[in-house]
Amino acid sequence: MTATGPPGRVRREPPAFRTVAVRGTEALTPRLVRVTVGSAELAGLTIELPAASVRLLLPPPGRTGLVMPTWNGNEFLLSDGTRPVIRALTPRRLDPVALTLDVEVVVHDGGALAAWVTAARPGDRVAVSGPGRGYTIDPGATDYLLAGDETAIPAISQLLERLPPTIPVRVLVEIADPSARLALPDRDHTDAMWLDLPAGASPGAALVEAVGTADIGAATKLWVAGEAAALQRIRRVLFEDRGLTRSQAAVRGYWKHGRSADTAADDR
């Protein structure tokens, strides 16, 4: 049951948290780590659309034990009134037989999620809730443009796996370091470009430039995700300067630069 929150701020309660344990971790690049979690509580979890999300609940800072929060009608809170550590991630791969879930984490300096994944060991308990909104593929599109920074790589990979094989796809990925490059899913009719972020530039600078100057036809569909401020600039370029319709482009902020918590910028 949804509790009553502050006036005018009552929101639908997200799906319940499912307690899971870390099964293992794997460094895909020096900056991207795959974490596999699992438990019997994943039974019944379904993720139908690509580029969806799950909430990952971590132990409170300085503690190893998991503390479950309560929904107050607007947000999750712990019993002492503080906010729990919750991060939104792409559910990269769900195995309904083994009851495991893979998520992939970009290790940002100073973030609570980065600190957790760096220290994560098999058996550590966390919880997941979801799924959140995914992306509905338009089979009538003439071509697709997928763009994002390193945090968008898991979702871009899912989209490449699910897009019709005959539709041409261009991929733009901004990376802060050349070591972040990795093999994307093999797919015909795909042209991928890695964008090196110039030294000292704000996150998203290379992505804004590349998306803003891309060849976009009337039936081209776009999916773009990354740092929130950069995505605001991309929205202005696409919808105001270039006149795209909202139905033509999905633009999602995944994180906010300068926040020590590296919090999600959308409702993922």
C-alpha atoms as a PDB file:
ATOM      1  CA  MET A   1       0.000   0.000   0.000  1.00  0.00           C
ATOM      2  CA  THR A   2       1.290   3.461  -0.868  1.00  0.00           C
ATOM      3  CA  ALA A   3       1.760   5.732   2.119  1.00  0.00           C
ATOM      4  CA  THR A   4       0.798   9.388   2.139  1.00  0.00           C
ATOM      5  CA  GLY A   5       3.730  11.707   1.441  1.00  0.00           C
ATOM      6  CA  PRO A   6       4.091  15.485   1.335  1.00  0.00           C
ATOM      7  CA  PRO A   7       1.086  17.312  -0.214  1.00  0.00           C
ATOM      8  CA  GLY A   8       1.169  17.154  -3.989  1.00  0.00           C
ATOM      9  CA  ARG A   9       4.135  14.789  -4.059  1.00  0.00           C
ATOM     10  CA  VAL A  10       2.500  11.360  -3.733  1.00  0.00           C
ATOM     11  CA  ARG A  11       4.057   9.027  -6.282  1.00  0.00           C
ATOM     12  CA  ARG A  12       3.396   5.460  -7.285  1.00  0.00           C
ATOM     13  CA  GLU A  13       5.360   3.052  -5.131  1.00  0.00           C
ATOM     14  CA  PRO A  14       8.146   1.313  -7.093  1.00  0.00           C
ATOM     15  CA  PRO A  15       8.294  -2.490  -7.250  1.00  0.00           C
ATOM     16  CA  ALA A  16       9.322  -4.165  -4.009  1.00  0.00           C
ATOM     17  CA  PHE A  17      12.998  -4.796  -3.309  1.00  0.00           C
ATOM     18  CA  ARG A  18      14.297  -8.334  -3.742  1.00  0.00           C
ATOM     19  CA  THR A  19      17.241  -9.310  -1.562  1.00  0.00           C
ATOM     20  CA  VAL A  20      20.136 -10.821  -3.514  1.00  0.00           C
ATOM     21  CA  ALA A  21      23.761 -11.706  -2.935  1.00  0.00           C
ATOM     22  CA  VAL A  22      26.832 -10.983  -5.018  1.00  0.00           C
ATOM     23  CA  ARG A  23      27.856 -14.055  -7.002  1.00  0.00           C
ATOM     24  CA  GLY A  24      30.916 -12.528  -8.623  1.00  0.00           C
ATOM     25  CA  THR A  25      32.480  -9.541 -10.366  1.00  0.00           C
ATOM     26  CA  GLU A  26      34.345  -9.150 -13.654  1.00  0.00           C
ATOM     27  CA  ALA A  27      36.306  -6.149 -14.932  1.00  0.00           C
ATOM     28  CA  LEU A  28      35.226  -5.632 -18.548  1.00  0.00           C
ATOM     29  CA  THR A  29      37.519  -2.603 -18.856  1.00  0.00           C
ATOM     30  CA  PRO A  30      39.558  -0.722 -16.222  1.00  0.00           C
ATOM     31  CA  ARG A  31      36.461   1.480 -15.713  1.00  0.00           C
ATOM     32  CA  LEU A  32      33.531  -0.901 -16.277  1.00  0.00           C
ATOM     33  CA  VAL A  33      32.781  -3.768 -13.881  1.00  0.00           C
ATOM     34  CA  ARG A  34      30.138  -6.441 -14.338  1.00  0.00           C
ATOM     35  CA  VAL A  35      28.502  -7.579 -11.095  1.00  0.00           C
ATOM     36  CA  THR A  36      26.432 -10.758 -10.971  1.00  0.00           C
ATOM     37  CA  VAL A  37      23.885 -11.015  -8.168  1.00  0.00           C
ATOM     38  CA  GLY A  38      21.383 -13.743  -7.500  1.00  0.00           C
ATOM     39  CA  SER A  39      18.906 -15.387  -5.148  1.00  0.00           C
ATOM     40  CA  ALA A  40      15.596 -17.233  -5.176  1.00  0.00           C
ATOM     41  CA  GLU A  41      13.871 -13.856  -4.771  1.00  0.00           C
ATOM     42  CA  LEU A  42      14.577 -13.096  -8.445  1.00  0.00           C
ATOM     43  CA  ALA A  43      11.943 -15.671  -9.394  1.00  0.00           C
ATOM     44  CA  GLY A  44       9.169 -13.932 -11.296  1.00  0.00           C
ATOM     45  CA  LEU A  45      11.227 -10.896 -12.267  1.00  0.00           C
ATOM     46  CA  THR A  46      10.746 -10.138 -15.950  1.00  0.00           C
ATOM     47  CA  ILE A  47      12.434  -7.496 -18.092  1.00  0.00           C
ATOM     48  CA  GLU A  48      10.694  -7.258 -21.428  1.00  0.00           C
ATOM     49  CA  LEU A  49      12.165  -4.105 -22.982  1.00  0.00           C
ATOM     50  CA  PRO A  50      15.818  -3.201 -23.644  1.00  0.00           C
ATOM     51  CA  ALA A  51      17.438  -0.189 -21.955  1.00  0.00           C
ATOM     52  CA  ALA A  52      15.242  -0.667 -18.885  1.00  0.00           C
ATOM     53  CA  SER A  53      16.458  -0.140 -15.324  1.00  0.00           C
ATOM     54  CA  VAL A  54      16.629  -1.619 -11.870  1.00  0.00           C
ATOM     55  CA  ARG A  55      17.212   0.108  -8.555  1.00  0.00           C
ATOM     56  CA  LEU A  56      20.146  -1.258  -6.587  1.00  0.00           C
ATOM     57  CA  LEU A  57      19.931  -0.810  -2.807  1.00  0.00           C
ATOM     58  CA  LEU A  58      23.329  -0.765  -1.070  1.00  0.00           C
ATOM     59  CA  PRO A  59      24.216  -1.027   2.635  1.00  0.00           C
ATOM     60  CA  PRO A  60      24.414   2.331   4.459  1.00  0.00           C
ATOM     61  CA  PRO A  61      27.848   4.017   4.304  1.00  0.00           C
ATOM     62  CA  GLY A  62      30.303   2.451   6.713  1.00  0.00           C
ATOM     63  CA  ARG A  63      28.161  -0.646   7.237  1.00  0.00           C
ATOM     64  CA  THR A  64      28.087  -4.088   5.669  1.00  0.00           C
ATOM     65  CA  GLY A  65      24.577  -5.095   6.724  1.00  0.00           C
ATOM     66  CA  LEU A  66      21.673  -4.347   4.403  1.00  0.00           C
ATOM     67  CA  VAL A  67      18.899  -2.163   5.834  1.00  0.00           C
ATOM     68  CA  MET A  68      15.553  -2.141   4.035  1.00  0.00           C
ATOM     69  CA  PRO A  69      13.916   1.276   3.579  1.00  0.00           C
ATOM     70  CA  THR A  70      10.225   2.234   3.662  1.00  0.00           C
ATOM     71  CA  TRP A  71       8.316   4.096   0.942  1.00  0.00           C
ATOM     72  CA  ASN A  72       6.711   7.268   2.348  1.00  0.00           C
ATOM     73  CA  GLY A  73       4.661   8.225  -0.699  1.00  0.00           C
ATOM     74  CA  ASN A  74       7.443  10.211  -2.301  1.00  0.00           C
ATOM     75  CA  GLU A  75      10.737   8.434  -1.657  1.00  0.00           C
ATOM     76  CA  PHE A  76      12.422   5.594   0.171  1.00  0.00           C
ATOM     77  CA  LEU A  77      13.664   6.436   3.683  1.00  0.00           C
ATOM     78  CA  LEU A  78      15.406   4.532   6.456  1.00  0.00           C
ATOM     79  CA  SER A  79      13.920   4.358   9.948  1.00  0.00           C
ATOM     80  CA  ASP A  80      16.060   7.294  11.119  1.00  0.00           C
ATOM     81  CA  GLY A  81      14.719   9.503   8.302  1.00  0.00           C
ATOM     82  CA  THR A  82      17.862   9.391   6.167  1.00  0.00           C
ATOM     83  CA  ARG A  83      17.896   8.382   2.533  1.00  0.00           C
ATOM     84  CA  PRO A  84      19.227   4.933   1.659  1.00  0.00           C
ATOM     85  CA  VAL A  85      21.934   4.467  -0.946  1.00  0.00           C
ATOM     86  CA  ILE A  86      20.022   3.562  -4.098  1.00  0.00           C
ATOM     87  CA  ARG A  87      21.413   3.655  -7.609  1.00  0.00           C
ATOM     88  CA  ALA A  88      19.739   3.000 -10.980  1.00  0.00           C
ATOM     89  CA  LEU A  89      21.438   0.610 -13.385  1.00  0.00           C
ATOM     90  CA  THR A  90      20.704  -1.208 -16.618  1.00  0.00           C
ATOM     91  CA  PRO A  91      19.792  -4.869 -16.035  1.00  0.00           C
ATOM     92  CA  ARG A  92      22.260  -6.161 -18.596  1.00  0.00           C
ATOM     93  CA  ARG A  93      21.292  -9.824 -18.444  1.00  0.00           C
ATOM     94  CA  LEU A  94      18.676 -11.722 -16.426  1.00  0.00           C
ATOM     95  CA  ASP A  95      18.862 -15.519 -16.211  1.00  0.00           C
ATOM     96  CA  PRO A  96      15.426 -16.743 -15.081  1.00  0.00           C
ATOM     97  CA  VAL A  97      16.691 -20.310 -14.681  1.00  0.00           C
ATOM     98  CA  ALA A  98      19.843 -19.633 -12.666  1.00  0.00           C
ATOM     99  CA  LEU A  99      18.047 -16.693 -10.979  1.00  0.00           C
ATOM    100  CA  THR A 100      20.945 -14.323 -11.538  1.00  0.00           C
ATOM    101  CA  LEU A 101      21.143 -10.760 -12.780  1.00  0.00           C
ATOM    102  CA  ASP A 102      24.111  -8.951 -14.333  1.00  0.00           C
ATOM    103  CA  VAL A 103      24.572  -5.210 -13.937  1.00  0.00           C
ATOM    104  CA  GLU A 104      27.524  -3.189 -15.199  1.00  0.00           C
ATOM    105  CA  VAL A 105      28.975  -0.314 -13.191  1.00  0.00           C
ATOM    106  CA  VAL A 106      31.203   2.530 -14.357  1.00  0.00           C
ATOM    107  CA  VAL A 107      33.708   3.281 -11.613  1.00  0.00           C
ATOM    108  CA  HIS A 108      33.389   7.046 -11.071  1.00  0.00           C
ATOM    109  CA  ASP A 109      35.868   8.544  -8.593  1.00  0.00           C
ATOM    110  CA  GLY A 110      34.355   9.225  -5.180  1.00  0.00           C
ATOM    111  CA  GLY A 111      30.943   7.661  -5.726  1.00  0.00           C
ATOM    112  CA  ALA A 112      29.215   5.377  -3.243  1.00  0.00           C
ATOM    113  CA  LEU A 113      28.443   2.872  -5.998  1.00  0.00           C
ATOM    114  CA  ALA A 114      32.053   2.840  -7.174  1.00  0.00           C
ATOM    115  CA  ALA A 115      33.259   2.282  -3.604  1.00  0.00           C
ATOM    116  CA  TRP A 116      30.835  -0.598  -3.180  1.00  0.00           C
ATOM    117  CA  VAL A 117      31.651  -2.368  -6.444  1.00  0.00           C
ATOM    118  CA  THR A 118      35.388  -2.015  -5.824  1.00  0.00           C
ATOM    119  CA  ALA A 119      35.032  -3.808  -2.485  1.00  0.00           C
ATOM    120  CA  ALA A 120      32.237  -6.237  -3.456  1.00  0.00           C
ATOM    121  CA  ARG A 121      32.831  -9.877  -2.587  1.00  0.00           C
ATOM    122  CA  PRO A 122      30.735 -13.022  -3.169  1.00  0.00           C
ATOM    123  CA  GLY A 123      28.041 -13.281  -0.517  1.00  0.00           C
ATOM    124  CA  ASP A 124      27.644  -9.531   0.039  1.00  0.00           C
ATOM    125  CA  ARG A 125      23.941  -8.723   0.285  1.00  0.00           C
ATOM    126  CA  VAL A 126      22.187  -5.964  -1.665  1.00  0.00           C
ATOM    127  CA  ALA A 127      18.664  -5.639  -3.057  1.00  0.00           C
ATOM    128  CA  VAL A 128      17.155  -4.884  -6.458  1.00  0.00           C
ATOM    129  CA  SER A 129      13.822  -3.385  -7.484  1.00  0.00           C
ATOM    130  CA  GLY A 130      12.382  -3.125 -10.933  1.00  0.00           C
ATOM    131  CA  PRO A 131      12.122  -3.031 -13.777  1.00  0.00           C
ATOM    132  CA  GLY A 132      11.810   0.633 -14.617  1.00  0.00           C
ATOM    133  CA  ARG A 133      10.910   1.996 -18.023  1.00  0.00           C
ATOM    134  CA  GLY A 134      12.538   0.489 -21.066  1.00  0.00           C
ATOM    135  CA  TYR A 135      12.640   1.473 -24.723  1.00  0.00           C
ATOM    136  CA  THR A 136      10.118   0.338 -27.325  1.00  0.00           C
ATOM    137  CA  ILE A 137      11.836  -0.291 -30.647  1.00  0.00           C
ATOM    138  CA  ASP A 138      10.158   1.148 -33.744  1.00  0.00           C
ATOM    139  CA  PRO A 139      10.424  -1.440 -36.547  1.00  0.00           C
ATOM    140  CA  GLY A 140       9.335   1.225 -39.037  1.00  0.00           C
ATOM    141  CA  ALA A 141      12.437   3.368 -38.521  1.00  0.00           C
ATOM    142  CA  THR A 142      14.713   3.727 -41.533  1.00  0.00           C
ATOM    143  CA  ASP A 143      17.785   3.833 -39.279  1.00  0.00           C
ATOM    144  CA  TYR A 144      18.821   4.310 -35.671  1.00  0.00           C
ATOM    145  CA  LEU A 145      21.329   6.525 -33.907  1.00  0.00           C
ATOM    146  CA  LEU A 146      22.403   5.263 -30.474  1.00  0.00           C
ATOM    147  CA  ALA A 147      24.596   7.609 -28.454  1.00  0.00           C
ATOM    148  CA  GLY A 148      25.868   7.895 -24.920  1.00  0.00           C
ATOM    149  CA  ASP A 149      28.796   7.957 -22.556  1.00  0.00           C
ATOM    150  CA  GLU A 150      30.293   4.982 -20.711  1.00  0.00           C
ATOM    151  CA  THR A 151      27.261   4.631 -18.437  1.00  0.00           C
ATOM    152  CA  ALA A 152      25.117   3.997 -21.513  1.00  0.00           C
ATOM    153  CA  ILE A 153      27.231   1.130 -22.884  1.00  0.00           C
ATOM    154  CA  PRO A 154      25.115  -1.630 -21.231  1.00  0.00           C
ATOM    155  CA  ALA A 155      21.863  -0.185 -22.616  1.00  0.00           C
ATOM    156  CA  ILE A 156      23.381   0.452 -26.045  1.00  0.00           C
ATOM    157  CA  SER A 157      24.581  -3.161 -26.094  1.00  0.00           C
ATOM    158  CA  GLN A 158      21.071  -4.395 -25.321  1.00  0.00           C
ATOM    159  CA  LEU A 159      19.588  -2.240 -28.063  1.00  0.00           C
ATOM    160  CA  LEU A 160      22.096  -3.563 -30.597  1.00  0.00           C
ATOM    161  CA  GLU A 161      21.071  -7.100 -29.648  1.00  0.00           C
ATOM    162  CA  ARG A 162      17.353  -6.351 -30.032  1.00  0.00           C
ATOM    163  CA  LEU A 163      17.128  -4.024 -33.033  1.00  0.00           C
ATOM    164  CA  PRO A 164      15.958  -5.670 -36.291  1.00  0.00           C
ATOM    165  CA  PRO A 165      19.090  -6.939 -38.077  1.00  0.00           C
ATOM    166  CA  THR A 166      18.314  -5.157 -41.344  1.00  0.00           C
ATOM    167  CA  ILE A 167      18.028  -1.647 -39.858  1.00  0.00           C
ATOM    168  CA  PRO A 168      21.247   0.417 -40.176  1.00  0.00           C
ATOM    169  CA  VAL A 169      22.514   1.601 -36.792  1.00  0.00           C
ATOM    170  CA  ARG A 170      25.086   4.274 -35.957  1.00  0.00           C
ATOM    171  CA  VAL A 171      26.644   4.222 -32.495  1.00  0.00           C
ATOM    172  CA  LEU A 172      28.443   7.111 -30.787  1.00  0.00           C
ATOM    173  CA  VAL A 173      30.087   6.461 -27.429  1.00  0.00           C
ATOM    174  CA  GLU A 174      32.008   9.102 -25.497  1.00  0.00           C
ATOM    175  CA  ILE A 175      34.823   7.734 -23.351  1.00  0.00           C
ATOM    176  CA  ALA A 176      36.993   9.513 -20.806  1.00  0.00           C
ATOM    177  CA  ASP A 177      39.944   7.197 -21.434  1.00  0.00           C
ATOM    178  CA  PRO A 178      40.924   4.992 -24.413  1.00  0.00           C
ATOM    179  CA  SER A 179      40.986   1.959 -22.088  1.00  0.00           C
ATOM    180  CA  ALA A 180      37.173   2.196 -21.870  1.00  0.00           C
ATOM    181  CA  ARG A 181      36.770   0.799 -25.387  1.00  0.00           C
ATOM    182  CA  LEU A 182      35.356  -2.708 -25.526  1.00  0.00           C
ATOM    183  CA  ALA A 183      33.742  -4.992 -28.061  1.00  0.00           C
ATOM    184  CA  LEU A 184      30.097  -4.167 -28.667  1.00  0.00           C
ATOM    185  CA  PRO A 185      27.660  -6.912 -29.730  1.00  0.00           C
ATOM    186  CA  ASP A 186      28.445  -8.115 -33.236  1.00  0.00           C
ATOM    187  CA  ARG A 187      25.761  -6.945 -35.641  1.00  0.00           C
ATOM    188  CA  ASP A 188      25.492  -6.345 -39.375  1.00  0.00           C
ATOM    189  CA  HIS A 189      24.719  -2.835 -40.642  1.00  0.00           C
ATOM    190  CA  THR A 190      26.327  -1.201 -37.614  1.00  0.00           C
ATOM    191  CA  ASP A 191      28.800   1.683 -37.634  1.00  0.00           C
ATOM    192  CA  ALA A 192      30.327   2.423 -34.215  1.00  0.00           C
ATOM    193  CA  MET A 193      32.483   5.434 -33.340  1.00  0.00           C
ATOM    194  CA  TRP A 194      34.300   6.022 -30.050  1.00  0.00           C
ATOM    195  CA  LEU A 195      34.550   9.684 -29.047  1.00  0.00           C
ATOM    196  CA  ASP A 196      37.547  10.597 -26.896  1.00  0.00           C
ATOM    197  CA  LEU A 197      36.670  13.285 -24.360  1.00  0.00           C
ATOM    198  CA  PRO A 198      39.320  16.033 -24.596  1.00  0.00           C
ATOM    199  CA  ALA A 199      41.432  16.569 -21.494  1.00  0.00           C
ATOM    200  CA  GLY A 200      39.790  19.062 -19.182  1.00  0.00           C
ATOM    201  CA  ALA A 201      36.476  19.043 -21.033  1.00  0.00           C
ATOM    202  CA  SER A 202      33.192  18.600 -19.195  1.00  0.00           C
ATOM    203  CA  PRO A 203      31.559  15.167 -19.450  1.00  0.00           C
ATOM    204  CA  GLY A 204      29.384  15.024 -22.525  1.00  0.00           C
ATOM    205  CA  ALA A 205      31.220  17.691 -24.510  1.00  0.00           C
ATOM    206  CA  ALA A 206      32.239  15.320 -27.300  1.00  0.00           C
ATOM    207  CA  LEU A 207      28.831  13.663 -27.297  1.00  0.00           C
ATOM    208  CA  VAL A 208      26.961  16.972 -27.631  1.00  0.00           C
ATOM    209  CA  GLU A 209      29.089  17.932 -30.628  1.00  0.00           C
ATOM    210  CA  ALA A 210      28.733  14.558 -32.351  1.00  0.00           C
ATOM    211  CA  VAL A 211      24.983  14.219 -31.861  1.00  0.00           C
ATOM    212  CA  GLY A 212      24.377  17.865 -32.769  1.00  0.00           C
ATOM    213  CA  THR A 213      26.109  17.495 -36.137  1.00  0.00           C
ATOM    214  CA  ALA A 214      24.890  13.972 -36.970  1.00  0.00           C
ATOM    215  CA  ASP A 215      22.926  13.279 -40.148  1.00  0.00           C
ATOM    216  CA  ILE A 216      19.365  12.723 -38.913  1.00  0.00           C
ATOM    217  CA  GLY A 217      16.614  11.896 -41.390  1.00  0.00           C
ATOM    218  CA  ALA A 218      12.875  12.308 -40.927  1.00  0.00           C
ATOM    219  CA  ALA A 219      12.472   8.606 -40.089  1.00  0.00           C
ATOM    220  CA  THR A 220      15.686   8.255 -38.060  1.00  0.00           C
ATOM    221  CA  LYS A 221      15.097   7.191 -34.469  1.00  0.00           C
ATOM    222  CA  LEU A 222      17.484   8.329 -31.729  1.00  0.00           C
ATOM    223  CA  TRP A 223      18.273   6.946 -28.296  1.00  0.00           C
ATOM    224  CA  VAL A 224      20.727   9.042 -26.254  1.00  0.00           C
ATOM    225  CA  ALA A 225      21.811   8.754 -22.606  1.00  0.00           C
ATOM    226  CA  GLY A 226      24.561  10.039 -20.329  1.00  0.00           C
ATOM    227  CA  GLU A 227      25.444  12.923 -18.027  1.00  0.00           C
ATOM    228  CA  ALA A 228      22.405  15.047 -17.152  1.00  0.00           C
ATOM    229  CA  ALA A 229      23.717  18.522 -18.013  1.00  0.00           C
ATOM    230  CA  ALA A 230      25.085  17.325 -21.351  1.00  0.00           C
ATOM    231  CA  LEU A 231      21.758  15.682 -22.137  1.00  0.00           C
ATOM    232  CA  GLN A 232      19.964  18.960 -21.466  1.00  0.00           C
ATOM    233  CA  ARG A 233      22.131  20.571 -24.144  1.00  0.00           C
ATOM    234  CA  ILE A 234      21.401  17.699 -26.512  1.00  0.00           C
ATOM    235  CA  ARG A 235      17.663  18.125 -25.924  1.00  0.00           C
ATOM    236  CA  ARG A 236      17.905  21.790 -26.884  1.00  0.00           C
ATOM    237  CA  VAL A 237      19.888  20.998 -30.016  1.00  0.00           C
ATOM    238  CA  LEU A 238      17.576  18.219 -31.153  1.00  0.00           C
ATOM    239  CA  PHE A 239      14.170  19.604 -30.239  1.00  0.00           C
ATOM    240  CA  GLU A 240      14.673  23.359 -30.497  1.00  0.00           C
ATOM    241  CA  ASP A 241      17.474  23.914 -32.992  1.00  0.00           C
ATOM    242  CA  ARG A 242      16.867  20.957 -35.289  1.00  0.00           C
ATOM    243  CA  GLY A 243      13.118  20.627 -34.805  1.00  0.00           C
ATOM    244  CA  LEU A 244      12.884  16.909 -34.015  1.00  0.00           C
ATOM    245  CA  THR A 245       9.679  15.642 -32.451  1.00  0.00           C
ATOM    246  CA  ARG A 246       9.666  14.166 -28.956  1.00  0.00           C
ATOM    247  CA  SER A 247       8.581  10.839 -30.391  1.00  0.00           C
ATOM    248  CA  GLN A 248      11.658  10.703 -32.621  1.00  0.00           C
ATOM    249  CA  ALA A 249      14.285  10.856 -29.884  1.00  0.00           C
ATOM    250  CA  ALA A 250      14.535   9.311 -26.416  1.00  0.00           C
ATOM    251  CA  VAL A 251      17.009  11.402 -24.382  1.00  0.00           C
ATOM    252  CA  ARG A 252      17.799  10.243 -20.855  1.00  0.00           C
ATOM    253  CA  GLY A 253      20.049  11.672 -18.168  1.00  0.00           C
ATOM    254  CA  TYR A 254      21.746   8.849 -16.274  1.00  0.00           C
ATOM    255  CA  TRP A 255      23.980  10.696 -13.788  1.00  0.00           C
ATOM    256  CA  LYS A 256      25.019  14.165 -12.640  1.00  0.00           C
ATOM    257  CA  HIS A 257      28.617  15.367 -12.776  1.00  0.00           C
ATOM    258  CA  GLY A 258      29.936  16.925  -9.565  1.00  0.00           C
ATOM    259  CA  ARG A 259      27.779  14.962  -7.163  1.00  0.00           C
ATOM    260  CA  SER A 260      29.897  12.793  -4.916  1.00  0.00           C
ATOM    261  CA  ALA A 261      27.112  10.221  -4.878  1.00  0.00           C
ATOM    262  CA  ASP A 262      27.009   9.932  -8.656  1.00  0.00           C
ATOM    263  CA  THR A 263      23.226   9.796  -8.391  1.00  0.00           C
ATOM    264  CA  ALA A 264      20.933   8.838 -11.199  1.00  0.00           C
ATOM    265  CA  ALA A 265      19.400  11.807 -12.940  1.00  0.00           C
ATOM    266  CA  ASP A 266      16.211  10.133 -14.141  1.00  0.00           C
ATOM    267  CA  ASP A 267      13.723   7.684 -12.653  1.00  0.00           C
ATOM    268  CA  ARG A 268      15.663   4.615 -13.711  1.00  0.00           C
END
